């Protein structure tokens, strides 16, 4: 890690600590209940969930490398970063952010179906 990179990480960690310190009274979180419920969590289930999540990220990267293969050969490993960023953004902000933008993120008209066609 370069010196500049270390400084950036240090500033980021200090900013996170300051934000947690400032907003600690704004959150109402029952830590006692959290620790009590955590006793009943299966470690195997947590590990399986984490592993399966990363497997899906890798499979999505493989899928995108196949999609892009007619135009450019791209390794799935090089697409992992974009998968992490994209799906983390969806997890944090939800898909409603895309719907709130005029024309979605692409600027194209909406293609949502208003009728499923099951009534015919």
PDB file of N, CA and C in Angstrom:
ATOM      1  N   UNK A   1       0.856  -1.171   0.000  1.00  0.00           N
ATOM      2  CA  UNK A   1       0.000   0.000   0.000  1.00  0.00           C
ATOM      3  C   UNK A   1       0.902   1.234   0.000  1.00  0.00           C
ATOM      4  N   UNK A   2       0.559   2.165  -0.866  1.00  0.00           N
ATOM      5  CA  UNK A   2       1.345   3.388  -0.939  1.00  0.00           C
ATOM      6  C   UNK A   2       0.979   4.312   0.221  1.00  0.00           C
ATOM      7  N   UNK A   3       1.825   5.304   0.435  1.00  0.00           N
ATOM      8  CA  UNK A   3       1.601   6.243   1.536  1.00  0.00           C
ATOM      9  C   UNK A   3       0.291   7.007   1.331  1.00  0.00           C
ATOM     10  N   UNK A   4       0.033   7.418   0.087  1.00  0.00           N
ATOM     11  CA  UNK A   4      -1.192   8.173  -0.216  1.00  0.00           C
ATOM     12  C   UNK A   4      -2.423   7.307   0.029  1.00  0.00           C
ATOM     13  N   UNK A   5      -2.328   6.033  -0.371  1.00  0.00           N
ATOM     14  CA  UNK A   5      -3.438   5.116  -0.160  1.00  0.00           C
ATOM     15  C   UNK A   5      -3.719   4.937   1.324  1.00  0.00           C
ATOM     16  N   UNK A   6      -2.655   4.841   2.123  1.00  0.00           N
ATOM     17  CA  UNK A   6      -2.815   4.718   3.562  1.00  0.00           C
ATOM     18  C   UNK A   6      -3.469   5.930   4.181  1.00  0.00           C
ATOM     19  N   UNK A   7      -3.118   7.098   3.672  1.00  0.00           N
ATOM     20  CA  UNK A   7      -3.720   8.341   4.177  1.00  0.00           C
ATOM     21  C   UNK A   7      -5.208   8.374   3.842  1.00  0.00           C
ATOM     22  N   UNK A   8      -5.564   7.969   2.629  1.00  0.00           N
ATOM     23  CA  UNK A   8      -6.979   7.955   2.225  1.00  0.00           C
ATOM     24  C   UNK A   8      -7.766   7.007   3.119  1.00  0.00           C
ATOM     25  N   UNK A   9      -7.229   5.819   3.368  1.00  0.00           N
ATOM     26  CA  UNK A   9      -7.909   4.869   4.252  1.00  0.00           C
ATOM     27  C   UNK A   9      -8.028   5.440   5.666  1.00  0.00           C
ATOM     28  N   UNK A  10      -6.980   6.062   6.141  1.00  0.00           N
ATOM     29  CA  UNK A  10      -7.014   6.650   7.476  1.00  0.00           C
ATOM     30  C   UNK A  10      -8.072   7.730   7.599  1.00  0.00           C
ATOM     31  N   UNK A  11      -8.142   8.613   6.612  1.00  0.00           N
ATOM     32  CA  UNK A  11      -9.153   9.677   6.621  1.00  0.00           C
ATOM     33  C   UNK A  11     -10.551   9.073   6.559  1.00  0.00           C
ATOM     34  N   UNK A  12     -10.726   8.037   5.752  1.00  0.00           N
ATOM     35  CA  UNK A  12     -12.028   7.381   5.647  1.00  0.00           C
ATOM     36  C   UNK A  12     -12.464   6.755   6.964  1.00  0.00           C
ATOM     37  N   UNK A  13     -11.536   6.099   7.644  1.00  0.00           N
ATOM     38  CA  UNK A  13     -11.868   5.472   8.921  1.00  0.00           C
ATOM     39  C   UNK A  13     -12.179   6.519   9.979  1.00  0.00           C
ATOM     40  N   UNK A  14     -11.399   7.597  10.009  1.00  0.00           N
ATOM     41  CA  UNK A  14     -11.660   8.682  10.968  1.00  0.00           C
ATOM     42  C   UNK A  14     -13.024   9.312  10.686  1.00  0.00           C
ATOM     43  N   UNK A  15     -13.361   9.530   9.416  1.00  0.00           N
ATOM     44  CA  UNK A  15     -14.669  10.103   9.064  1.00  0.00           C
ATOM     45  C   UNK A  15     -15.798   9.176   9.497  1.00  0.00           C
ATOM     46  N   UNK A  16     -15.620   7.869   9.320  1.00  0.00           N
ATOM     47  CA  UNK A  16     -16.638   6.917   9.737  1.00  0.00           C
ATOM     48  C   UNK A  16     -16.821   6.934  11.251  1.00  0.00           C
ATOM     49  N   UNK A  17     -15.734   6.981  11.985  1.00  0.00           N
ATOM     50  CA  UNK A  17     -15.813   7.031  13.451  1.00  0.00           C
ATOM     51  C   UNK A  17     -16.511   8.315  13.893  1.00  0.00           C
ATOM     52  N   UNK A  18     -16.194   9.440  13.253  1.00  0.00           N
ATOM     53  CA  UNK A  18     -16.835  10.712  13.611  1.00  0.00           C
ATOM     54  C   UNK A  18     -18.328  10.651  13.323  1.00  0.00           C
ATOM     55  N   UNK A  19     -18.720  10.089  12.188  1.00  0.00           N
ATOM     56  CA  UNK A  19     -20.148   9.983  11.863  1.00  0.00           C
ATOM     57  C   UNK A  19     -20.884   9.096  12.858  1.00  0.00           C
ATOM     58  N   UNK A  20     -20.290   7.981  13.212  1.00  0.00           N
ATOM     59  CA  UNK A  20     -20.915   7.106  14.206  1.00  0.00           C
ATOM     60  C   UNK A  20     -21.041   7.833  15.534  1.00  0.00           C
ATOM     61  N   UNK A  21     -20.009   8.559  15.923  1.00  0.00           N
ATOM     62  CA  UNK A  21     -20.038   9.303  17.184  1.00  0.00           C
ATOM     63  C   UNK A  21     -21.120  10.382  17.175  1.00  0.00           C
ATOM     64  N   UNK A  22     -21.261  11.093  16.057  1.00  0.00           N
ATOM     65  CA  UNK A  22     -22.251  12.168  15.967  1.00  0.00           C
ATOM     66  C   UNK A  22     -23.682  11.643  15.980  1.00  0.00           C
ATOM     67  N   UNK A  23     -23.911  10.502  15.338  1.00  0.00           N
ATOM     68  CA  UNK A  23     -25.274   9.996  15.193  1.00  0.00           C
ATOM     69  C   UNK A  23     -25.617   8.893  16.194  1.00  0.00           C
ATOM     70  N   UNK A  24     -24.780   8.680  17.191  1.00  0.00           N
ATOM     71  CA  UNK A  24     -25.018   7.605  18.143  1.00  0.00           C
ATOM     72  C   UNK A  24     -26.279   7.837  18.956  1.00  0.00           C
ATOM     73  N   UNK A  25     -26.640   9.091  19.210  1.00  0.00           N
ATOM     74  CA  UNK A  25     -27.847   9.367  19.995  1.00  0.00           C
ATOM     75  C   UNK A  25     -29.093   9.414  19.124  1.00  0.00           C
ATOM     76  N   UNK A  26     -28.932   9.510  17.830  1.00  0.00           N
ATOM     77  CA  UNK A  26     -30.082   9.592  16.927  1.00  0.00           C
ATOM     78  C   UNK A  26     -30.695   8.214  16.658  1.00  0.00           C
ATOM     79  N   UNK A  27     -29.895   7.162  16.833  1.00  0.00           N
ATOM     80  CA  UNK A  27     -30.366   5.813  16.550  1.00  0.00           C
ATOM     81  C   UNK A  27     -30.925   5.179  17.817  1.00  0.00           C
ATOM     82  N   UNK A  28     -32.022   4.495  17.680  1.00  0.00           N
ATOM     83  CA  UNK A  28     -32.588   3.735  18.778  1.00  0.00           C
ATOM     84  C   UNK A  28     -32.422   2.259  18.431  1.00  0.00           C
ATOM     85  N   UNK A  29     -31.393   1.649  18.980  1.00  0.00           N
ATOM     86  CA  UNK A  29     -31.086   0.259  18.675  1.00  0.00           C
ATOM     87  C   UNK A  29     -30.943  -0.506  19.977  1.00  0.00           C
ATOM     88  N   UNK A  30     -31.641  -1.612  20.088  1.00  0.00           N
ATOM     89  CA  UNK A  30     -31.619  -2.421  21.300  1.00  0.00           C
ATOM     90  C   UNK A  30     -30.476  -3.430  21.212  1.00  0.00           C
ATOM     91  N   UNK A  31     -29.306  -3.021  21.729  1.00  0.00           N
ATOM     92  CA  UNK A  31     -28.124  -3.880  21.648  1.00  0.00           C
ATOM     93  C   UNK A  31     -28.290  -5.142  22.474  1.00  0.00           C
ATOM     94  N   UNK A  32     -28.958  -5.047  23.606  1.00  0.00           N
ATOM     95  CA  UNK A  32     -29.150  -6.233  24.445  1.00  0.00           C
ATOM     96  C   UNK A  32     -29.951  -7.295  23.700  1.00  0.00           C
ATOM     97  N   UNK A  33     -31.008  -6.868  23.043  1.00  0.00           N
ATOM     98  CA  UNK A  33     -31.817  -7.806  22.257  1.00  0.00           C
ATOM     99  C   UNK A  33     -31.018  -8.364  21.081  1.00  0.00           C
ATOM    100  N   UNK A  34     -30.207  -7.524  20.460  1.00  0.00           N
ATOM    101  CA  UNK A  34     -29.364  -7.974  19.349  1.00  0.00           C
ATOM    102  C   UNK A  34     -28.421  -9.088  19.793  1.00  0.00           C
ATOM    103  N   UNK A  35     -27.706  -8.876  20.912  1.00  0.00           N
ATOM    104  CA  UNK A  35     -26.768  -9.887  21.392  1.00  0.00           C
ATOM    105  C   UNK A  35     -27.499 -11.141  21.852  1.00  0.00           C
ATOM    106  N   UNK A  36     -28.693 -10.962  22.423  1.00  0.00           N
ATOM    107  CA  UNK A  36     -29.484 -12.127  22.835  1.00  0.00           C
ATOM    108  C   UNK A  36     -29.890 -12.962  21.628  1.00  0.00           C
ATOM    109  N   UNK A  37     -30.371 -12.332  20.575  1.00  0.00           N
ATOM    110  CA  UNK A  37     -30.797 -13.045  19.373  1.00  0.00           C
ATOM    111  C   UNK A  37     -29.615 -13.642  18.619  1.00  0.00           C
ATOM    112  N   UNK A  38     -28.452 -13.012  18.720  1.00  0.00           N
ATOM    113  CA  UNK A  38     -27.268 -13.499  18.011  1.00  0.00           C
ATOM    114  C   UNK A  38     -26.815 -14.862  18.535  1.00  0.00           C
ATOM    115  N   UNK A  39     -27.172 -15.184  19.764  1.00  0.00           N
ATOM    116  CA  UNK A  39     -26.818 -16.491  20.318  1.00  0.00           C
ATOM    117  C   UNK A  39     -27.476 -17.636  19.558  1.00  0.00           C
ATOM    118  N   UNK A  40     -28.613 -17.382  18.928  1.00  0.00           N
ATOM    119  CA  UNK A  40     -29.373 -18.427  18.253  1.00  0.00           C
ATOM    120  C   UNK A  40     -29.047 -18.554  16.773  1.00  0.00           C
ATOM    121  N   UNK A  41     -28.101 -17.783  16.308  1.00  0.00           N
ATOM    122  CA  UNK A  41     -27.736 -17.806  14.898  1.00  0.00           C
ATOM    123  C   UNK A  41     -26.790 -18.970  14.634  1.00  0.00           C
ATOM    124  N   UNK A  42     -27.056 -19.674  13.546  1.00  0.00           N
ATOM    125  CA  UNK A  42     -26.190 -20.778  13.159  1.00  0.00           C
ATOM    126  C   UNK A  42     -25.004 -20.241  12.359  1.00  0.00           C
ATOM    127  N   UNK A  43     -23.806 -20.510  12.818  1.00  0.00           N
ATOM    128  CA  UNK A  43     -22.607 -20.059  12.124  1.00  0.00           C
ATOM    129  C   UNK A  43     -22.526 -20.666  10.722  1.00  0.00           C
ATOM    130  N   UNK A  44     -22.982 -21.898  10.589  1.00  0.00           N
ATOM    131  CA  UNK A  44     -22.994 -22.550   9.274  1.00  0.00           C
ATOM    132  C   UNK A  44     -23.882 -21.822   8.282  1.00  0.00           C
ATOM    133  N   UNK A  45     -25.039 -21.345   8.748  1.00  0.00           N
ATOM    134  CA  UNK A  45     -25.942 -20.598   7.869  1.00  0.00           C
ATOM    135  C   UNK A  45     -25.337 -19.270   7.447  1.00  0.00           C
ATOM    136  N   UNK A  46     -24.655 -18.607   8.373  1.00  0.00           N
ATOM    137  CA  UNK A  46     -24.018 -17.333   8.036  1.00  0.00           C
ATOM    138  C   UNK A  46     -22.920 -17.543   6.997  1.00  0.00           C
ATOM    139  N   UNK A  47     -22.080 -18.552   7.208  1.00  0.00           N
ATOM    140  CA  UNK A  47     -21.000 -18.830   6.256  1.00  0.00           C
ATOM    141  C   UNK A  47     -21.575 -19.228   4.903  1.00  0.00           C
ATOM    142  N   UNK A  48     -22.616 -20.068   4.903  1.00  0.00           N
ATOM    143  CA  UNK A  48     -23.242 -20.473   3.640  1.00  0.00           C
ATOM    144  C   UNK A  48     -23.828 -19.265   2.914  1.00  0.00           C
ATOM    145  N   UNK A  49     -24.447 -18.360   3.647  1.00  0.00           N
ATOM    146  CA  UNK A  49     -25.010 -17.159   3.023  1.00  0.00           C
ATOM    147  C   UNK A  49     -23.948 -16.280   2.401  1.00  0.00           C
ATOM    148  N   UNK A  50     -22.829 -16.107   3.099  1.00  0.00           N
ATOM    149  CA  UNK A  50     -21.739 -15.282   2.568  1.00  0.00           C
ATOM    150  C   UNK A  50     -21.138 -15.931   1.332  1.00  0.00           C
ATOM    151  N   UNK A  51     -20.882 -17.243   1.414  1.00  0.00           N
ATOM    152  CA  UNK A  51     -20.297 -17.954   0.265  1.00  0.00           C
ATOM    153  C   UNK A  51     -21.229 -17.892  -0.940  1.00  0.00           C
ATOM    154  N   UNK A  52     -22.513 -18.133  -0.727  1.00  0.00           N
ATOM    155  CA  UNK A  52     -23.460 -18.095  -1.848  1.00  0.00           C
ATOM    156  C   UNK A  52     -23.581 -16.701  -2.448  1.00  0.00           C
ATOM    157  N   UNK A  53     -23.492 -15.681  -1.621  1.00  0.00           N
ATOM    158  CA  UNK A  53     -23.533 -14.314  -2.140  1.00  0.00           C
ATOM    159  C   UNK A  53     -22.352 -14.051  -3.066  1.00  0.00           C
ATOM    160  N   UNK A  54     -21.153 -14.444  -2.641  1.00  0.00           N
ATOM    161  CA  UNK A  54     -19.976 -14.230  -3.484  1.00  0.00           C
ATOM    162  C   UNK A  54     -20.000 -15.108  -4.726  1.00  0.00           C
ATOM    163  N   UNK A  55     -20.567 -16.303  -4.639  1.00  0.00           N
ATOM    164  CA  UNK A  55     -20.707 -17.153  -5.825  1.00  0.00           C
ATOM    165  C   UNK A  55     -21.620 -16.488  -6.842  1.00  0.00           C
ATOM    166  N   UNK A  56     -22.715 -15.877  -6.369  1.00  0.00           N
ATOM    167  CA  UNK A  56     -23.610 -15.204  -7.320  1.00  0.00           C
ATOM    168  C   UNK A  56     -22.933 -14.002  -7.963  1.00  0.00           C
ATOM    169  N   UNK A  57     -22.104 -13.271  -7.201  1.00  0.00           N
ATOM    170  CA  UNK A  57     -21.350 -12.166  -7.808  1.00  0.00           C
ATOM    171  C   UNK A  57     -20.454 -12.698  -8.920  1.00  0.00           C
ATOM    172  N   UNK A  58     -19.772 -13.811  -8.655  1.00  0.00           N
ATOM    173  CA  UNK A  58     -18.876 -14.375  -9.662  1.00  0.00           C
ATOM    174  C   UNK A  58     -19.669 -14.873 -10.869  1.00  0.00           C
ATOM    175  N   UNK A  59     -20.813 -15.530 -10.651  1.00  0.00           N
ATOM    176  CA  UNK A  59     -21.614 -16.021 -11.777  1.00  0.00           C
ATOM    177  C   UNK A  59     -22.168 -14.871 -12.616  1.00  0.00           C
ATOM    178  N   UNK A  60     -22.524 -13.771 -11.975  1.00  0.00           N
ATOM    179  CA  UNK A  60     -22.965 -12.598 -12.738  1.00  0.00           C
ATOM    180  C   UNK A  60     -21.821 -12.038 -13.571  1.00  0.00           C
ATOM    181  N   UNK A  61     -20.615 -12.040 -13.017  1.00  0.00           N
ATOM    182  CA  UNK A  61     -19.453 -11.568 -13.773  1.00  0.00           C
ATOM    183  C   UNK A  61     -19.185 -12.483 -14.959  1.00  0.00           C
ATOM    184  N   UNK A  62     -19.340 -13.795 -14.777  1.00  0.00           N
ATOM    185  CA  UNK A  62     -19.176 -14.739 -15.895  1.00  0.00           C
ATOM    186  C   UNK A  62     -20.232 -14.468 -16.955  1.00  0.00           C
ATOM    187  N   UNK A  63     -21.461 -14.247 -16.531  1.00  0.00           N
ATOM    188  CA  UNK A  63     -22.538 -13.954 -17.484  1.00  0.00           C
ATOM    189  C   UNK A  63     -22.228 -12.699 -18.300  1.00  0.00           C
ATOM    190  N   UNK A  64     -21.761 -11.642 -17.622  1.00  0.00           N
ATOM    191  CA  UNK A  64     -21.440 -10.417 -18.337  1.00  0.00           C
ATOM    192  C   UNK A  64     -20.239 -10.582 -19.257  1.00  0.00           C
ATOM    193  N   UNK A  65     -19.289 -11.420 -18.869  1.00  0.00           N
ATOM    194  CA  UNK A  65     -18.156 -11.649 -19.775  1.00  0.00           C
ATOM    195  C   UNK A  65     -18.619 -12.375 -21.028  1.00  0.00           C
ATOM    196  N   UNK A  66     -19.610 -13.263 -20.890  1.00  0.00           N
ATOM    197  CA  UNK A  66     -20.175 -13.930 -22.068  1.00  0.00           C
ATOM    198  C   UNK A  66     -20.942 -12.928 -22.919  1.00  0.00           C
ATOM    199  N   UNK A  67     -21.723 -12.058 -22.276  1.00  0.00           N
ATOM    200  CA  UNK A  67     -22.462 -11.030 -23.027  1.00  0.00           C
ATOM    201  C   UNK A  67     -21.526 -10.115 -23.811  1.00  0.00           C
ATOM    202  N   UNK A  68     -20.398  -9.771 -23.217  1.00  0.00           N
ATOM    203  CA  UNK A  68     -19.463  -8.846 -23.851  1.00  0.00           C
ATOM    204  C   UNK A  68     -18.499  -9.522 -24.814  1.00  0.00           C
ATOM    205  N   UNK A  69     -18.463 -10.834 -24.841  1.00  0.00           N
ATOM    206  CA  UNK A  69     -17.471 -11.541 -25.653  1.00  0.00           C
ATOM    207  C   UNK A  69     -17.556 -11.252 -27.153  1.00  0.00           C
ATOM    208  N   UNK A  70     -18.727 -10.998 -27.762  1.00  0.00           N
ATOM    209  CA  UNK A  70     -18.716 -10.670 -29.189  1.00  0.00           C
ATOM    210  C   UNK A  70     -18.010  -9.354 -29.515  1.00  0.00           C
ATOM    211  N   UNK A  71     -17.978  -8.438 -28.562  1.00  0.00           N
ATOM    212  CA  UNK A  71     -17.343  -7.147 -28.839  1.00  0.00           C
ATOM    213  C   UNK A  71     -15.930  -7.048 -28.276  1.00  0.00           C
ATOM    214  N   UNK A  72     -15.714  -7.650 -27.098  1.00  0.00           N
ATOM    215  CA  UNK A  72     -14.403  -7.565 -26.471  1.00  0.00           C
ATOM    216  C   UNK A  72     -14.254  -8.721 -25.486  1.00  0.00           C
ATOM    217  N   UNK A  73     -13.098  -9.333 -25.491  1.00  0.00           N
ATOM    218  CA  UNK A  73     -12.831 -10.411 -24.540  1.00  0.00           C
ATOM    219  C   UNK A  73     -12.495  -9.804 -23.182  1.00  0.00           C
ATOM    220  N   UNK A  74     -13.317 -10.103 -22.217  1.00  0.00           N
ATOM    221  CA  UNK A  74     -13.148  -9.569 -20.866  1.00  0.00           C
ATOM    222  C   UNK A  74     -13.196 -10.746 -19.899  1.00  0.00           C
ATOM    223  N   UNK A  75     -12.260 -10.791 -18.976  1.00  0.00           N
ATOM    224  CA  UNK A  75     -12.265 -11.885 -18.000  1.00  0.00           C
ATOM    225  C   UNK A  75     -13.307 -11.597 -16.916  1.00  0.00           C
ATOM    226  N   UNK A  76     -13.919 -12.645 -16.380  1.00  0.00           N
ATOM    227  CA  UNK A  76     -14.886 -12.438 -15.301  1.00  0.00           C
ATOM    228  C   UNK A  76     -14.268 -11.757 -14.080  1.00  0.00           C
ATOM    229  N   UNK A  77     -12.995 -12.028 -13.821  1.00  0.00           N
ATOM    230  CA  UNK A  77     -12.344 -11.411 -12.656  1.00  0.00           C
ATOM    231  C   UNK A  77     -12.282  -9.888 -12.784  1.00  0.00           C
ATOM    232  N   UNK A  78     -12.135  -9.399 -14.011  1.00  0.00           N
ATOM    233  CA  UNK A  78     -12.065  -7.945 -14.188  1.00  0.00           C
ATOM    234  C   UNK A  78     -13.438  -7.286 -14.032  1.00  0.00           C
ATOM    235  N   UNK A  79     -14.503  -8.074 -14.078  1.00  0.00           N
ATOM    236  CA  UNK A  79     -15.853  -7.528 -13.929  1.00  0.00           C
ATOM    237  C   UNK A  79     -16.389  -7.638 -12.508  1.00  0.00           C
ATOM    238  N   UNK A  80     -15.646  -8.283 -11.625  1.00  0.00           N
ATOM    239  CA  UNK A  80     -16.134  -8.462 -10.255  1.00  0.00           C
ATOM    240  C   UNK A  80     -16.338  -7.133  -9.532  1.00  0.00           C
ATOM    241  N   UNK A  81     -15.445  -6.195  -9.730  1.00  0.00           N
ATOM    242  CA  UNK A  81     -15.577  -4.896  -9.063  1.00  0.00           C
ATOM    243  C   UNK A  81     -16.864  -4.188  -9.427  1.00  0.00           C
ATOM    244  N   UNK A  82     -17.199  -4.200 -10.698  1.00  0.00           N
ATOM    245  CA  UNK A  82     -18.445  -3.543 -11.111  1.00  0.00           C
ATOM    246  C   UNK A  82     -19.664  -4.264 -10.565  1.00  0.00           C
ATOM    247  N   UNK A  83     -19.579  -5.591 -10.417  1.00  0.00           N
ATOM    248  CA  UNK A  83     -20.684  -6.338  -9.815  1.00  0.00           C
ATOM    249  C   UNK A  83     -20.869  -5.949  -8.352  1.00  0.00           C
ATOM    250  N   UNK A  84     -19.761  -5.850  -7.614  1.00  0.00           N
ATOM    251  CA  UNK A  84     -19.849  -5.453  -6.211  1.00  0.00           C
ATOM    252  C   UNK A  84     -20.445  -4.063  -6.068  1.00  0.00           C
ATOM    253  N   UNK A  85     -19.968  -3.128  -6.875  1.00  0.00           N
ATOM    254  CA  UNK A  85     -20.450  -1.749  -6.784  1.00  0.00           C
ATOM    255  C   UNK A  85     -21.921  -1.664  -7.154  1.00  0.00           C
ATOM    256  N   UNK A  86     -22.293  -2.281  -8.262  1.00  0.00           N
ATOM    257  CA  UNK A  86     -23.671  -2.190  -8.737  1.00  0.00           C
ATOM    258  C   UNK A  86     -24.674  -2.814  -7.790  1.00  0.00           C
ATOM    259  N   UNK A  87     -24.409  -4.016  -7.346  1.00  0.00           N
ATOM    260  CA  UNK A  87     -25.377  -4.691  -6.489  1.00  0.00           C
ATOM    261  C   UNK A  87     -25.357  -4.155  -5.067  1.00  0.00           C
ATOM    262  N   UNK A  88     -24.240  -3.591  -4.629  1.00  0.00           N
ATOM    263  CA  UNK A  88     -24.223  -2.926  -3.325  1.00  0.00           C
ATOM    264  C   UNK A  88     -25.063  -1.652  -3.382  1.00  0.00           C
ATOM    265  N   UNK A  89     -24.984  -0.933  -4.494  1.00  0.00           N
ATOM    266  CA  UNK A  89     -25.814   0.269  -4.646  1.00  0.00           C
ATOM    267  C   UNK A  89     -27.292  -0.086  -4.634  1.00  0.00           C
ATOM    268  N   UNK A  90     -27.653  -1.178  -5.300  1.00  0.00           N
ATOM    269  CA  UNK A  90     -29.054  -1.605  -5.288  1.00  0.00           C
ATOM    270  C   UNK A  90     -29.466  -2.000  -3.878  1.00  0.00           C
ATOM    271  N   UNK A  91     -28.583  -2.677  -3.146  1.00  0.00           N
ATOM    272  CA  UNK A  91     -28.909  -3.078  -1.781  1.00  0.00           C
ATOM    273  C   UNK A  91     -29.066  -1.869  -0.865  1.00  0.00           C
ATOM    274  N   UNK A  92     -28.226  -0.850  -1.058  1.00  0.00           N
ATOM    275  CA  UNK A  92     -28.291   0.327  -0.187  1.00  0.00           C
ATOM    276  C   UNK A  92     -29.437   1.263  -0.543  1.00  0.00           C
ATOM    277  N   UNK A  93     -29.615   1.522  -1.840  1.00  0.00           N
ATOM    278  CA  UNK A  93     -30.579   2.530  -2.262  1.00  0.00           C
ATOM    279  C   UNK A  93     -31.853   1.949  -2.854  1.00  0.00           C
ATOM    280  N   UNK A  94     -31.837   0.693  -3.216  1.00  0.00           N
ATOM    281  CA  UNK A  94     -33.009   0.046  -3.780  1.00  0.00           C
ATOM    282  C   UNK A  94     -33.187   0.374  -5.246  1.00  0.00           C
ATOM    283  N   UNK A  95     -34.080  -0.329  -5.856  1.00  0.00           N
ATOM    284  CA  UNK A  95     -34.354  -0.123  -7.283  1.00  0.00           C
ATOM    285  C   UNK A  95     -35.214   1.113  -7.517  1.00  0.00           C
ATOM    286  N   UNK A  96     -35.771   1.660  -6.463  1.00  0.00           N
ATOM    287  CA  UNK A  96     -36.607   2.852  -6.616  1.00  0.00           C
ATOM    288  C   UNK A  96     -35.815   4.045  -7.121  1.00  0.00           C
ATOM    289  N   UNK A  97     -34.520   4.066  -6.835  1.00  0.00           N
ATOM    290  CA  UNK A  97     -33.685   5.157  -7.322  1.00  0.00           C
ATOM    291  C   UNK A  97     -33.698   5.189  -8.842  1.00  0.00           C
ATOM    292  N   UNK A  98     -33.628   4.031  -9.457  1.00  0.00           N
ATOM    293  CA  UNK A  98     -33.663   3.946 -10.914  1.00  0.00           C
ATOM    294  C   UNK A  98     -35.028   4.402 -11.426  1.00  0.00           C
ATOM    295  N   UNK A  99     -36.085   4.005 -10.743  1.00  0.00           N
ATOM    296  CA  UNK A  99     -37.427   4.382 -11.177  1.00  0.00           C
ATOM    297  C   UNK A  99     -37.692   5.863 -10.989  1.00  0.00           C
ATOM    298  N   UNK A 100     -37.003   6.493 -10.047  1.00  0.00           N
ATOM    299  CA  UNK A 100     -37.229   7.915  -9.783  1.00  0.00           C
ATOM    300  C   UNK A 100     -36.602   8.810 -10.844  1.00  0.00           C
ATOM    301  N   UNK A 101     -35.627   8.290 -11.556  1.00  0.00           N
ATOM    302  CA  UNK A 101     -34.982   9.090 -12.592  1.00  0.00           C
ATOM    303  C   UNK A 101     -35.878   9.177 -13.816  1.00  0.00           C
ATOM    304  N   UNK A 102     -35.940  10.341 -14.470  1.00  0.00           N
ATOM    305  CA  UNK A 102     -36.778  10.429 -15.666  1.00  0.00           C
ATOM    306  C   UNK A 102     -36.205   9.549 -16.769  1.00  0.00           C
ATOM    307  N   UNK A 103     -37.003   8.606 -17.231  1.00  0.00           N
ATOM    308  CA  UNK A 103     -36.550   7.701 -18.282  1.00  0.00           C
ATOM    309  C   UNK A 103     -35.592   6.657 -17.758  1.00  0.00           C
ATOM    310  N   UNK A 104     -35.545   6.463 -16.452  1.00  0.00           N
ATOM    311  CA  UNK A 104     -34.604   5.501 -15.886  1.00  0.00           C
ATOM    312  C   UNK A 104     -33.184   6.008 -16.033  1.00  0.00           C
ATOM    313  N   UNK A 105     -32.240   5.158 -15.832  1.00  0.00           N
ATOM    314  CA  UNK A 105     -30.833   5.559 -15.913  1.00  0.00           C
ATOM    315  C   UNK A 105     -30.365   5.677 -17.354  1.00  0.00           C
ATOM    316  N   UNK A 106     -31.112   5.075 -18.289  1.00  0.00           N
ATOM    317  CA  UNK A 106     -30.673   5.070 -19.682  1.00  0.00           C
ATOM    318  C   UNK A 106     -31.229   6.238 -20.480  1.00  0.00           C
ATOM    319  N   UNK A 107     -32.252   6.897 -19.947  1.00  0.00           N
ATOM    320  CA  UNK A 107     -32.861   7.991 -20.678  1.00  0.00           C
ATOM    321  C   UNK A 107     -33.887   7.528 -21.697  1.00  0.00           C
ATOM    322  N   UNK A 108     -34.142   6.229 -21.737  1.00  0.00           N
ATOM    323  CA  UNK A 108     -35.127   5.685 -22.671  1.00  0.00           C
ATOM    324  C   UNK A 108     -36.498   5.679 -22.019  1.00  0.00           C
ATOM    325  N   UNK A 109     -37.534   5.676 -22.822  1.00  0.00           N
ATOM    326  CA  UNK A 109     -38.874   5.603 -22.246  1.00  0.00           C
ATOM    327  C   UNK A 109     -39.069   4.289 -21.495  1.00  0.00           C
ATOM    328  N   UNK A 110     -39.954   4.303 -20.532  1.00  0.00           N
ATOM    329  CA  UNK A 110     -40.213   3.116 -19.732  1.00  0.00           C
ATOM    330  C   UNK A 110     -40.812   2.012 -20.586  1.00  0.00           C
ATOM    331  N   UNK A 111     -40.373   0.799 -20.353  1.00  0.00           N
ATOM    332  CA  UNK A 111     -40.888  -0.360 -21.093  1.00  0.00           C
ATOM    333  C   UNK A 111     -41.661  -1.286 -20.171  1.00  0.00           C
ATOM    334  N   UNK A 112     -42.090  -0.776 -19.038  1.00  0.00           N
ATOM    335  CA  UNK A 112     -42.837  -1.617 -18.097  1.00  0.00           C
ATOM    336  C   UNK A 112     -44.181  -1.981 -18.701  1.00  0.00           C
ATOM    337  N   UNK A 113     -44.582  -3.207 -18.481  1.00  0.00           N
ATOM    338  CA  UNK A 113     -45.869  -3.678 -18.993  1.00  0.00           C
ATOM    339  C   UNK A 113     -46.956  -3.274 -18.013  1.00  0.00           C
ATOM    340  N   UNK A 114     -48.039  -2.740 -18.536  1.00  0.00           N
ATOM    341  CA  UNK A 114     -49.144  -2.364 -17.673  1.00  0.00           C
ATOM    342  C   UNK A 114     -50.175  -3.470 -17.620  1.00  0.00           C
ATOM    343  N   UNK A 115     -50.173  -4.373 -18.601  1.00  0.00           N
ATOM    344  CA  UNK A 115     -51.121  -5.484 -18.640  1.00  0.00           C
ATOM    345  C   UNK A 115     -50.327  -6.758 -18.850  1.00  0.00           C
ATOM    346  N   UNK A 116     -50.555  -7.736 -18.000  1.00  0.00           N
ATOM    347  CA  UNK A 116     -49.785  -8.976 -18.113  1.00  0.00           C
ATOM    348  C   UNK A 116     -50.289  -9.848 -19.247  1.00  0.00           C
ATOM    349  N   UNK A 117     -51.473  -9.589 -19.749  1.00  0.00           N
ATOM    350  CA  UNK A 117     -52.013 -10.392 -20.842  1.00  0.00           C
ATOM    351  C   UNK A 117     -52.641 -11.681 -20.364  1.00  0.00           C
ATOM    352  N   UNK A 118     -52.772 -11.861 -19.065  1.00  0.00           N
ATOM    353  CA  UNK A 118     -53.357 -13.078 -18.533  1.00  0.00           C
ATOM    354  C   UNK A 118     -54.881 -13.047 -18.577  1.00  0.00           C
ATOM    355  N   UNK A 119     -55.466 -11.884 -18.801  1.00  0.00           N
ATOM    356  CA  UNK A 119     -56.916 -11.757 -18.816  1.00  0.00           C
ATOM    357  C   UNK A 119     -57.527 -12.175 -20.134  1.00  0.00           C
ATOM    358  N   UNK A 120     -56.734 -12.345 -21.171  1.00  0.00           N
ATOM    359  CA  UNK A 120     -57.268 -12.667 -22.502  1.00  0.00           C
ATOM    360  C   UNK A 120     -57.818 -14.057 -22.580  1.00  0.00           C
TER     361      UNK A 120
END
